[in-house]
Amino acid sequence: MAYGFMLPAAILVAVLMYWPMVDTFRESLFASSFINPNPEFVGFETYRKILADPLFWQILRNSVIWTLGVVLLQNVVGFFVALLLNENLPGQGILRSLILLPWVLPGVVAAILWRFMYDPQLGLINSFFMRLGIVEHGVGWLAEPSTAMAAVIFAAFWKGFPFSTVVFLAALQNVDQEQVEAAKIDGAGSLRRLFDVVIPAIWPVAVVNVLLTTILTFNYFDIIYVLTRGGPLNATAIFPTRIYEVGFGQFKFGEAAAYGSLSVLVLVLFVGLLLLVQRRQVKAA
């Protein structure tokens, strides 16, 4: 009976998730283009060409930097904002509502907003830095390979940190206050209570949040594509932008499918490494 109840959901997941993944891998074994739309079986030749291309390793490096940067900022800032919102502040309800605004904005809208803010002539960021004397003239944050990745990471962090804030805030409200009060009576200061009571209590939620934000960030497309389209000079090119460019820009569906399969493999290794580190920390504790 249990398997019977699980069967509809299993079929739905298989049809909507696993079959497209298998079909994408099958597509990657064929070569086709806009000029020659008839698929030609090439086996793993496409993978060999991709792995021999320096652009693939640049995209891999960019994807790792992008994911680590956004996930780290989202979780660290989200945690401290959640700590602040967990206190009895004036207008607490309004603050909790306002903090969600970046998250509820569509990704394209948020990206267009940040394009205006990064504008070299009219952007608010350049105006602010010039008034402080940090820069003498407008900086093309999205046009320089040295600054483009940091710019898109910050925009994505701003867009996504409210999600982590909500998750951490929910976890903080479930912390046993008796343990916190007991630690306070024993003379533990604020930092000691935070590291010895609060963080261990919400650690399982934090691990799940890191995994979720890692998966979502690695596959995120909107902000980078609208801000830079993977440029300049592929400085912000990641797997989703490359897949879109090859598949829908060059109509090389086999190569796009190969990039998609490789991105899944990289993400599985990435998440597996995080789970391994987390498991070792649990055993050490």
C-alpha atoms as a PDB file:
ATOM      1  CA  MET A   1       0.000   0.000   0.000  1.00  0.00           C
ATOM      2  CA  ALA A   2       2.851   2.375   0.829  1.00  0.00           C
ATOM      3  CA  TYR A   3       4.425   1.875  -2.617  1.00  0.00           C
ATOM      4  CA  GLY A   4       1.022   2.412  -4.184  1.00  0.00           C
ATOM      5  CA  PHE A   5       0.678   5.815  -2.510  1.00  0.00           C
ATOM      6  CA  MET A   6       4.210   6.748  -3.561  1.00  0.00           C
ATOM      7  CA  LEU A   7       3.749   5.646  -7.180  1.00  0.00           C
ATOM      8  CA  PRO A   8       1.928   8.765  -8.543  1.00  0.00           C
ATOM      9  CA  ALA A   9       4.549  11.109  -7.117  1.00  0.00           C
ATOM     10  CA  ALA A  10       7.373   8.847  -8.343  1.00  0.00           C
ATOM     11  CA  ILE A  11       5.913   8.799 -11.853  1.00  0.00           C
ATOM     12  CA  LEU A  12       5.529  12.589 -11.833  1.00  0.00           C
ATOM     13  CA  VAL A  13       9.141  13.109 -10.723  1.00  0.00           C
ATOM     14  CA  ALA A  14      10.408  10.592 -13.288  1.00  0.00           C
ATOM     15  CA  VAL A  15       8.494  12.222 -16.155  1.00  0.00           C
ATOM     16  CA  LEU A  16       9.285  15.835 -15.251  1.00  0.00           C
ATOM     17  CA  MET A  17      12.867  15.442 -13.966  1.00  0.00           C
ATOM     18  CA  TYR A  18      14.670  12.197 -14.636  1.00  0.00           C
ATOM     19  CA  TRP A  19      13.473  11.585 -18.182  1.00  0.00           C
ATOM     20  CA  PRO A  20      14.506  15.094 -19.369  1.00  0.00           C
ATOM     21  CA  MET A  21      17.934  14.535 -17.785  1.00  0.00           C
ATOM     22  CA  VAL A  22      18.342  11.207 -19.589  1.00  0.00           C
ATOM     23  CA  ASP A  23      17.083  12.716 -22.848  1.00  0.00           C
ATOM     24  CA  THR A  24      19.507  15.639 -22.491  1.00  0.00           C
ATOM     25  CA  PHE A  25      22.411  13.220 -22.143  1.00  0.00           C
ATOM     26  CA  ARG A  26      21.167  11.330 -25.222  1.00  0.00           C
ATOM     27  CA  GLU A  27      20.968  14.625 -27.120  1.00  0.00           C
ATOM     28  CA  SER A  28      24.573  15.386 -26.188  1.00  0.00           C
ATOM     29  CA  LEU A  29      25.737  12.327 -28.134  1.00  0.00           C
ATOM     30  CA  PHE A  30      24.463  13.885 -31.369  1.00  0.00           C
ATOM     31  CA  ALA A  31      25.680  16.932 -33.293  1.00  0.00           C
ATOM     32  CA  SER A  32      23.360  19.322 -35.083  1.00  0.00           C
ATOM     33  CA  SER A  33      23.325  22.981 -36.080  1.00  0.00           C
ATOM     34  CA  PHE A  34      21.076  25.539 -37.731  1.00  0.00           C
ATOM     35  CA  ILE A  35      22.671  24.801 -41.107  1.00  0.00           C
ATOM     36  CA  ASN A  36      22.595  21.034 -40.614  1.00  0.00           C
ATOM     37  CA  PRO A  37      19.516  20.329 -38.456  1.00  0.00           C
ATOM     38  CA  ASN A  38      19.645  16.551 -38.943  1.00  0.00           C
ATOM     39  CA  PRO A  39      21.272  15.046 -35.810  1.00  0.00           C
ATOM     40  CA  GLU A  40      24.488  13.121 -36.461  1.00  0.00           C
ATOM     41  CA  PHE A  41      25.704  10.605 -33.894  1.00  0.00           C
ATOM     42  CA  VAL A  42      29.180  11.604 -32.664  1.00  0.00           C
ATOM     43  CA  GLY A  43      29.345   9.785 -29.320  1.00  0.00           C
ATOM     44  CA  PHE A  44      31.540  11.518 -26.755  1.00  0.00           C
ATOM     45  CA  GLU A  45      33.363  13.645 -29.336  1.00  0.00           C
ATOM     46  CA  THR A  46      31.477  16.759 -28.198  1.00  0.00           C
ATOM     47  CA  TYR A  47      32.608  16.194 -24.617  1.00  0.00           C
ATOM     48  CA  ARG A  48      36.215  15.787 -25.777  1.00  0.00           C
ATOM     49  CA  LYS A  49      36.092  19.097 -27.654  1.00  0.00           C
ATOM     50  CA  ILE A  50      34.494  20.910 -24.732  1.00  0.00           C
ATOM     51  CA  LEU A  51      37.018  19.606 -22.186  1.00  0.00           C
ATOM     52  CA  ALA A  52      39.888  20.549 -24.531  1.00  0.00           C
ATOM     53  CA  ASP A  53      38.564  24.100 -24.868  1.00  0.00           C
ATOM     54  CA  PRO A  54      40.078  26.622 -22.385  1.00  0.00           C
ATOM     55  CA  LEU A  55      36.697  28.373 -22.330  1.00  0.00           C
ATOM     56  CA  PHE A  56      35.146  25.416 -20.491  1.00  0.00           C
ATOM     57  CA  TRP A  57      37.652  25.708 -17.650  1.00  0.00           C
ATOM     58  CA  GLN A  58      37.076  29.445 -17.460  1.00  0.00           C
ATOM     59  CA  ILE A  59      33.327  28.819 -17.213  1.00  0.00           C
ATOM     60  CA  LEU A  60      33.927  26.196 -14.526  1.00  0.00           C
ATOM     61  CA  ARG A  61      36.097  28.603 -12.535  1.00  0.00           C
ATOM     62  CA  ASN A  62      33.546  31.407 -12.947  1.00  0.00           C
ATOM     63  CA  SER A  63      30.713  29.116 -11.838  1.00  0.00           C
ATOM     64  CA  VAL A  64      32.571  28.114  -8.684  1.00  0.00           C
ATOM     65  CA  ILE A  65      33.500  31.725  -7.824  1.00  0.00           C
ATOM     66  CA  TRP A  66      29.952  32.904  -8.547  1.00  0.00           C
ATOM     67  CA  THR A  67      28.340  30.167  -6.456  1.00  0.00           C
ATOM     68  CA  LEU A  68      30.700  30.445  -3.488  1.00  0.00           C
ATOM     69  CA  GLY A  69      30.530  34.249  -3.448  1.00  0.00           C
ATOM     70  CA  VAL A  70      26.750  34.511  -3.594  1.00  0.00           C
ATOM     71  CA  VAL A  71      26.078  31.626  -1.182  1.00  0.00           C
ATOM     72  CA  LEU A  72      28.589  32.902   1.376  1.00  0.00           C
ATOM     73  CA  LEU A  73      27.234  36.457   1.334  1.00  0.00           C
ATOM     74  CA  GLN A  74      23.600  35.347   1.347  1.00  0.00           C
ATOM     75  CA  ASN A  75      24.002  33.061   4.321  1.00  0.00           C
ATOM     76  CA  VAL A  76      26.287  35.244   6.438  1.00  0.00           C
ATOM     77  CA  VAL A  77      24.329  38.454   5.920  1.00  0.00           C
ATOM     78  CA  GLY A  78      21.002  36.607   6.043  1.00  0.00           C
ATOM     79  CA  PHE A  79      21.935  35.101   9.403  1.00  0.00           C
ATOM     80  CA  PHE A  80      22.904  38.413  11.011  1.00  0.00           C
ATOM     81  CA  VAL A  81      19.821  40.174   9.620  1.00  0.00           C
ATOM     82  CA  ALA A  82      17.702  37.330  11.030  1.00  0.00           C
ATOM     83  CA  LEU A  83      19.361  37.826  14.429  1.00  0.00           C
ATOM     84  CA  LEU A  84      18.454  41.511  14.273  1.00  0.00           C
ATOM     85  CA  LEU A  85      14.847  40.857  13.214  1.00  0.00           C
ATOM     86  CA  ASN A  86      14.485  38.255  15.967  1.00  0.00           C
ATOM     87  CA  GLU A  87      14.862  40.997  18.585  1.00  0.00           C
ATOM     88  CA  ASN A  88      11.960  43.073  19.883  1.00  0.00           C
ATOM     89  CA  LEU A  89      12.507  46.113  17.675  1.00  0.00           C
ATOM     90  CA  PRO A  90      10.078  48.984  17.063  1.00  0.00           C
ATOM     91  CA  GLY A  91       8.165  48.377  13.843  1.00  0.00           C
ATOM     92  CA  GLN A  92       9.328  44.774  13.712  1.00  0.00           C
ATOM     93  CA  GLY A  93       6.462  43.677  11.459  1.00  0.00           C
ATOM     94  CA  ILE A  94       7.157  46.429   8.919  1.00  0.00           C
ATOM     95  CA  LEU A  95      10.881  45.633   8.899  1.00  0.00           C
ATOM     96  CA  ARG A  96      10.191  41.948   8.286  1.00  0.00           C
ATOM     97  CA  SER A  97       7.960  42.865   5.355  1.00  0.00           C
ATOM     98  CA  LEU A  98      10.405  45.358   3.821  1.00  0.00           C
ATOM     99  CA  ILE A  99      13.300  42.904   3.984  1.00  0.00           C
ATOM    100  CA  LEU A 100      11.417  40.635   1.587  1.00  0.00           C
ATOM    101  CA  LEU A 101      11.173  43.224  -1.208  1.00  0.00           C
ATOM    102  CA  PRO A 102      14.406  42.251  -3.032  1.00  0.00           C
ATOM    103  CA  TRP A 103      13.429  38.587  -2.952  1.00  0.00           C
ATOM    104  CA  VAL A 104       9.915  39.068  -4.351  1.00  0.00           C
ATOM    105  CA  LEU A 105      11.181  41.214  -7.236  1.00  0.00           C
ATOM    106  CA  PRO A 106      11.421  39.264 -10.521  1.00  0.00           C
ATOM    107  CA  GLY A 107      15.029  38.518 -11.411  1.00  0.00           C
ATOM    108  CA  VAL A 108      14.867  40.527 -14.641  1.00  0.00           C
ATOM    109  CA  VAL A 109      13.475  43.587 -12.833  1.00  0.00           C
ATOM    110  CA  ALA A 110      16.196  43.369 -10.178  1.00  0.00           C
ATOM    111  CA  ALA A 111      18.870  43.048 -12.872  1.00  0.00           C
ATOM    112  CA  ILE A 112      17.589  46.105 -14.776  1.00  0.00           C
ATOM    113  CA  LEU A 113      17.570  48.060 -11.508  1.00  0.00           C
ATOM    114  CA  TRP A 114      21.207  47.159 -10.882  1.00  0.00           C
ATOM    115  CA  ARG A 115      22.174  48.012 -14.473  1.00  0.00           C
ATOM    116  CA  PHE A 116      21.006  51.563 -13.822  1.00  0.00           C
ATOM    117  CA  MET A 117      22.837  51.642 -10.488  1.00  0.00           C
ATOM    118  CA  TYR A 118      26.080  50.431 -12.104  1.00  0.00           C
ATOM    119  CA  ASP A 119      25.832  52.887 -15.021  1.00  0.00           C
ATOM    120  CA  PRO A 120      29.182  54.752 -15.445  1.00  0.00           C
ATOM    121  CA  GLN A 121      27.559  58.181 -16.003  1.00  0.00           C
ATOM    122  CA  LEU A 122      24.211  58.119 -14.218  1.00  0.00           C
ATOM    123  CA  GLY A 123      24.609  55.267 -11.754  1.00  0.00           C
ATOM    124  CA  LEU A 124      23.980  55.817  -8.059  1.00  0.00           C
ATOM    125  CA  ILE A 125      27.022  53.736  -7.049  1.00  0.00           C
ATOM    126  CA  ASN A 126      29.500  55.823  -9.054  1.00  0.00           C
ATOM    127  CA  SER A 127      27.881  59.025  -7.798  1.00  0.00           C
ATOM    128  CA  PHE A 128      28.230  57.834  -4.207  1.00  0.00           C
ATOM    129  CA  PHE A 129      31.890  56.795  -4.620  1.00  0.00           C
ATOM    130  CA  MET A 130      32.807  60.047  -6.390  1.00  0.00           C
ATOM    131  CA  ARG A 131      31.279  62.115  -3.596  1.00  0.00           C
ATOM    132  CA  LEU A 132      33.359  60.160  -1.083  1.00  0.00           C
ATOM    133  CA  GLY A 133      36.461  60.685  -3.209  1.00  0.00           C
ATOM    134  CA  ILE A 134      37.035  56.957  -3.690  1.00  0.00           C
ATOM    135  CA  VAL A 135      36.998  57.277  -7.503  1.00  0.00           C
ATOM    136  CA  GLU A 136      37.610  60.322  -9.712  1.00  0.00           C
ATOM    137  CA  HIS A 137      35.320  59.340 -12.585  1.00  0.00           C
ATOM    138  CA  GLY A 138      32.602  56.843 -13.370  1.00  0.00           C
ATOM    139  CA  VAL A 139      33.698  53.194 -13.362  1.00  0.00           C
ATOM    140  CA  GLY A 140      32.228  50.724 -15.831  1.00  0.00           C
ATOM    141  CA  TRP A 141      31.600  48.051 -13.232  1.00  0.00           C
ATOM    142  CA  LEU A 142      29.955  45.697 -15.727  1.00  0.00           C
ATOM    143  CA  ALA A 143      32.301  46.534 -18.604  1.00  0.00           C
ATOM    144  CA  GLU A 144      35.587  45.677 -16.889  1.00  0.00           C
ATOM    145  CA  PRO A 145      36.608  42.007 -16.561  1.00  0.00           C
ATOM    146  CA  SER A 146      38.250  42.801 -13.218  1.00  0.00           C
ATOM    147  CA  THR A 147      35.037  44.121 -11.623  1.00  0.00           C
ATOM    148  CA  ALA A 148      32.188  42.456 -13.542  1.00  0.00           C
ATOM    149  CA  MET A 149      32.080  39.241 -11.489  1.00  0.00           C
ATOM    150  CA  ALA A 150      32.092  41.102  -8.170  1.00  0.00           C
ATOM    151  CA  ALA A 151      29.316  43.376  -9.471  1.00  0.00           C
ATOM    152  CA  VAL A 152      26.998  40.526 -10.501  1.00  0.00           C
ATOM    153  CA  ILE A 153      27.743  38.614  -7.279  1.00  0.00           C
ATOM    154  CA  PHE A 154      26.713  41.629  -5.198  1.00  0.00           C
ATOM    155  CA  ALA A 155      23.522  42.116  -7.217  1.00  0.00           C
ATOM    156  CA  ALA A 156      22.591  38.437  -6.845  1.00  0.00           C
ATOM    157  CA  PHE A 157      23.393  38.524  -3.133  1.00  0.00           C
ATOM    158  CA  TRP A 158      21.090  41.543  -2.674  1.00  0.00           C
ATOM    159  CA  LYS A 159      18.343  39.736  -4.553  1.00  0.00           C
ATOM    160  CA  GLY A 160      18.647  36.460  -2.636  1.00  0.00           C
ATOM    161  CA  PHE A 161      19.672  37.196   0.952  1.00  0.00           C
ATOM    162  CA  PRO A 162      16.050  37.719   2.172  1.00  0.00           C
ATOM    163  CA  PHE A 163      15.422  34.023   1.463  1.00  0.00           C
ATOM    164  CA  SER A 164      18.194  33.044   3.878  1.00  0.00           C
ATOM    165  CA  THR A 165      16.939  35.650   6.336  1.00  0.00           C
ATOM    166  CA  VAL A 166      13.461  34.101   6.396  1.00  0.00           C
ATOM    167  CA  VAL A 167      14.876  30.580   6.828  1.00  0.00           C
ATOM    168  CA  PHE A 168      17.211  31.607   9.655  1.00  0.00           C
ATOM    169  CA  LEU A 169      14.521  33.709  11.325  1.00  0.00           C
ATOM    170  CA  ALA A 170      12.163  30.721  11.401  1.00  0.00           C
ATOM    171  CA  ALA A 171      14.934  28.576  12.881  1.00  0.00           C
ATOM    172  CA  LEU A 172      15.821  31.185  15.518  1.00  0.00           C
ATOM    173  CA  GLN A 173      12.222  31.377  16.691  1.00  0.00           C
ATOM    174  CA  ASN A 174      12.309  27.641  17.390  1.00  0.00           C
ATOM    175  CA  VAL A 175      15.443  27.803  19.565  1.00  0.00           C
ATOM    176  CA  ASP A 176      14.748  26.630  23.110  1.00  0.00           C
ATOM    177  CA  GLN A 177      14.709  29.863  25.108  1.00  0.00           C
ATOM    178  CA  GLU A 178      15.142  27.966  28.371  1.00  0.00           C
ATOM    179  CA  GLN A 179      18.616  26.898  27.248  1.00  0.00           C
ATOM    180  CA  VAL A 180      19.442  30.477  26.279  1.00  0.00           C
ATOM    181  CA  GLU A 181      18.269  31.764  29.658  1.00  0.00           C
ATOM    182  CA  ALA A 182      20.175  29.012  31.458  1.00  0.00           C
ATOM    183  CA  ALA A 183      23.366  29.992  29.643  1.00  0.00           C
ATOM    184  CA  LYS A 184      22.712  33.625  30.527  1.00  0.00           C
ATOM    185  CA  ILE A 185      22.260  32.756  34.209  1.00  0.00           C
ATOM    186  CA  ASP A 186      25.535  30.796  34.093  1.00  0.00           C
ATOM    187  CA  GLY A 187      27.297  33.980  33.041  1.00  0.00           C
ATOM    188  CA  ALA A 188      27.625  33.383  29.298  1.00  0.00           C
ATOM    189  CA  GLY A 189      27.853  36.583  27.276  1.00  0.00           C
ATOM    190  CA  SER A 190      26.035  37.313  24.030  1.00  0.00           C
ATOM    191  CA  LEU A 191      28.749  35.843  21.805  1.00  0.00           C
ATOM    192  CA  ARG A 192      29.124  32.767  23.990  1.00  0.00           C
ATOM    193  CA  ARG A 193      25.359  32.139  23.906  1.00  0.00           C
ATOM    194  CA  LEU A 194      25.376  32.641  20.136  1.00  0.00           C
ATOM    195  CA  PHE A 195      28.155  30.146  19.424  1.00  0.00           C
ATOM    196  CA  ASP A 196      27.408  27.597  22.152  1.00  0.00           C
ATOM    197  CA  VAL A 197      23.589  27.548  22.158  1.00  0.00           C
ATOM    198  CA  VAL A 198      21.975  29.309  19.191  1.00  0.00           C
ATOM    199  CA  ILE A 199      24.183  28.182  16.284  1.00  0.00           C
ATOM    200  CA  PRO A 200      24.249  24.483  17.326  1.00  0.00           C
ATOM    201  CA  ALA A 201      20.446  24.589  17.654  1.00  0.00           C
ATOM    202  CA  ILE A 202      19.902  25.937  14.121  1.00  0.00           C
ATOM    203  CA  TRP A 203      22.819  24.101  12.479  1.00  0.00           C
ATOM    204  CA  PRO A 204      20.681  21.469  10.658  1.00  0.00           C
ATOM    205  CA  VAL A 205      18.545  24.246   9.150  1.00  0.00           C
ATOM    206  CA  ALA A 206      21.670  26.177   8.165  1.00  0.00           C
ATOM    207  CA  VAL A 207      23.069  23.139   6.317  1.00  0.00           C
ATOM    208  CA  VAL A 208      19.826  22.681   4.361  1.00  0.00           C
ATOM    209  CA  ASN A 209      19.764  26.390   3.545  1.00  0.00           C
ATOM    210  CA  VAL A 210      23.340  26.290   2.251  1.00  0.00           C
ATOM    211  CA  LEU A 211      22.495  23.312   0.041  1.00  0.00           C
ATOM    212  CA  LEU A 212      19.369  25.000  -1.325  1.00  0.00           C
ATOM    213  CA  THR A 213      21.094  28.309  -2.043  1.00  0.00           C
ATOM    214  CA  THR A 214      24.020  26.469  -3.654  1.00  0.00           C
ATOM    215  CA  ILE A 215      21.745  24.620  -6.072  1.00  0.00           C
ATOM    216  CA  LEU A 216      19.657  27.712  -6.831  1.00  0.00           C
ATOM    217  CA  THR A 217      22.683  29.969  -7.332  1.00  0.00           C
ATOM    218  CA  PHE A 218      24.608  27.526  -9.515  1.00  0.00           C
ATOM    219  CA  ASN A 219      21.630  27.324 -11.886  1.00  0.00           C
ATOM    220  CA  TYR A 220      20.666  31.015 -11.675  1.00  0.00           C
ATOM    221  CA  PHE A 221      20.446  32.718 -15.048  1.00  0.00           C
ATOM    222  CA  ASP A 222      18.434  35.946 -14.947  1.00  0.00           C
ATOM    223  CA  ILE A 223      20.746  38.436 -13.264  1.00  0.00           C
ATOM    224  CA  ILE A 224      23.985  37.532 -15.047  1.00  0.00           C
ATOM    225  CA  TYR A 225      22.348  37.354 -18.469  1.00  0.00           C
ATOM    226  CA  VAL A 226      20.575  40.704 -18.144  1.00  0.00           C
ATOM    227  CA  LEU A 227      23.580  42.455 -16.592  1.00  0.00           C
ATOM    228  CA  THR A 228      26.459  41.124 -18.700  1.00  0.00           C
ATOM    229  CA  ARG A 229      25.291  38.196 -20.881  1.00  0.00           C
ATOM    230  CA  GLY A 230      28.393  36.397 -19.675  1.00  0.00           C
ATOM    231  CA  GLY A 231      30.797  39.169 -20.671  1.00  0.00           C
ATOM    232  CA  PRO A 232      32.970  41.077 -20.851  1.00  0.00           C
ATOM    233  CA  LEU A 233      35.418  38.621 -22.452  1.00  0.00           C
ATOM    234  CA  ASN A 234      33.523  35.739 -20.757  1.00  0.00           C
ATOM    235  CA  ALA A 235      34.491  37.136 -17.345  1.00  0.00           C
ATOM    236  CA  THR A 236      31.033  36.306 -15.964  1.00  0.00           C
ATOM    237  CA  ALA A 237      30.154  33.359 -18.199  1.00  0.00           C
ATOM    238  CA  ILE A 238      28.725  30.466 -16.178  1.00  0.00           C
ATOM    239  CA  PHE A 239      27.082  27.211 -17.219  1.00  0.00           C
ATOM    240  CA  PRO A 240      23.504  28.555 -17.625  1.00  0.00           C
ATOM    241  CA  THR A 241      24.602  31.506 -19.791  1.00  0.00           C
ATOM    242  CA  ARG A 242      26.845  29.277 -21.910  1.00  0.00           C
ATOM    243  CA  ILE A 243      24.070  26.711 -22.398  1.00  0.00           C
ATOM    244  CA  TYR A 244      21.689  29.454 -23.525  1.00  0.00           C
ATOM    245  CA  GLU A 245      24.265  31.005 -25.849  1.00  0.00           C
ATOM    246  CA  VAL A 246      25.203  27.707 -27.520  1.00  0.00           C
ATOM    247  CA  GLY A 247      21.683  26.279 -27.661  1.00  0.00           C
ATOM    248  CA  PHE A 248      19.548  29.305 -28.550  1.00  0.00           C
ATOM    249  CA  GLY A 249      22.217  31.613 -29.983  1.00  0.00           C
ATOM    250  CA  GLN A 250      24.210  29.172 -32.112  1.00  0.00           C
ATOM    251  CA  PHE A 251      21.570  26.413 -32.405  1.00  0.00           C
ATOM    252  CA  LYS A 252      24.133  23.754 -31.443  1.00  0.00           C
ATOM    253  CA  PHE A 253      21.738  21.681 -29.393  1.00  0.00           C
ATOM    254  CA  GLY A 254      24.104  18.732 -28.951  1.00  0.00           C
ATOM    255  CA  GLU A 255      26.848  20.939 -27.528  1.00  0.00           C
ATOM    256  CA  ALA A 256      24.353  22.764 -25.318  1.00  0.00           C
ATOM    257  CA  ALA A 257      23.108  19.402 -24.017  1.00  0.00           C
ATOM    258  CA  ALA A 258      26.707  18.363 -23.313  1.00  0.00           C
ATOM    259  CA  TYR A 259      27.280  21.549 -21.323  1.00  0.00           C
ATOM    260  CA  GLY A 260      24.056  20.829 -19.444  1.00  0.00           C
ATOM    261  CA  SER A 261      25.171  17.294 -18.584  1.00  0.00           C
ATOM    262  CA  LEU A 262      28.564  18.540 -17.424  1.00  0.00           C
ATOM    263  CA  SER A 263      26.929  21.230 -15.292  1.00  0.00           C
ATOM    264  CA  VAL A 264      24.794  18.583 -13.556  1.00  0.00           C
ATOM    265  CA  LEU A 265      27.936  16.543 -12.873  1.00  0.00           C
ATOM    266  CA  VAL A 266      29.766  19.562 -11.443  1.00  0.00           C
ATOM    267  CA  LEU A 267      26.775  20.459  -9.254  1.00  0.00           C
ATOM    268  CA  VAL A 268      26.491  16.880  -7.951  1.00  0.00           C
ATOM    269  CA  LEU A 269      30.202  16.926  -7.037  1.00  0.00           C
ATOM    270  CA  PHE A 270      29.801  20.356  -5.434  1.00  0.00           C
ATOM    271  CA  VAL A 271      26.826  19.308  -3.299  1.00  0.00           C
ATOM    272  CA  GLY A 272      28.463  15.973  -2.481  1.00  0.00           C
ATOM    273  CA  LEU A 273      31.533  17.808  -1.181  1.00  0.00           C
ATOM    274  CA  LEU A 274      29.352  20.034   1.019  1.00  0.00           C
ATOM    275  CA  LEU A 275      27.531  16.998   2.425  1.00  0.00           C
ATOM    276  CA  LEU A 276      30.849  15.249   3.094  1.00  0.00           C
ATOM    277  CA  VAL A 277      32.199  18.256   4.993  1.00  0.00           C
ATOM    278  CA  GLN A 278      28.955  18.527   6.972  1.00  0.00           C
ATOM    279  CA  ARG A 279      28.994  14.826   7.851  1.00  0.00           C
ATOM    280  CA  ARG A 280      32.591  15.037   9.095  1.00  0.00           C
ATOM    281  CA  GLN A 281      31.695  18.044  11.242  1.00  0.00           C
ATOM    282  CA  VAL A 282      28.782  16.101  12.775  1.00  0.00           C
ATOM    283  CA  LYS A 283      31.044  13.147  13.548  1.00  0.00           C
ATOM    284  CA  ALA A 284      33.673  15.435  15.058  1.00  0.00           C
ATOM    285  CA  ALA A 285      31.039  17.030  17.252  1.00  0.00           C
END
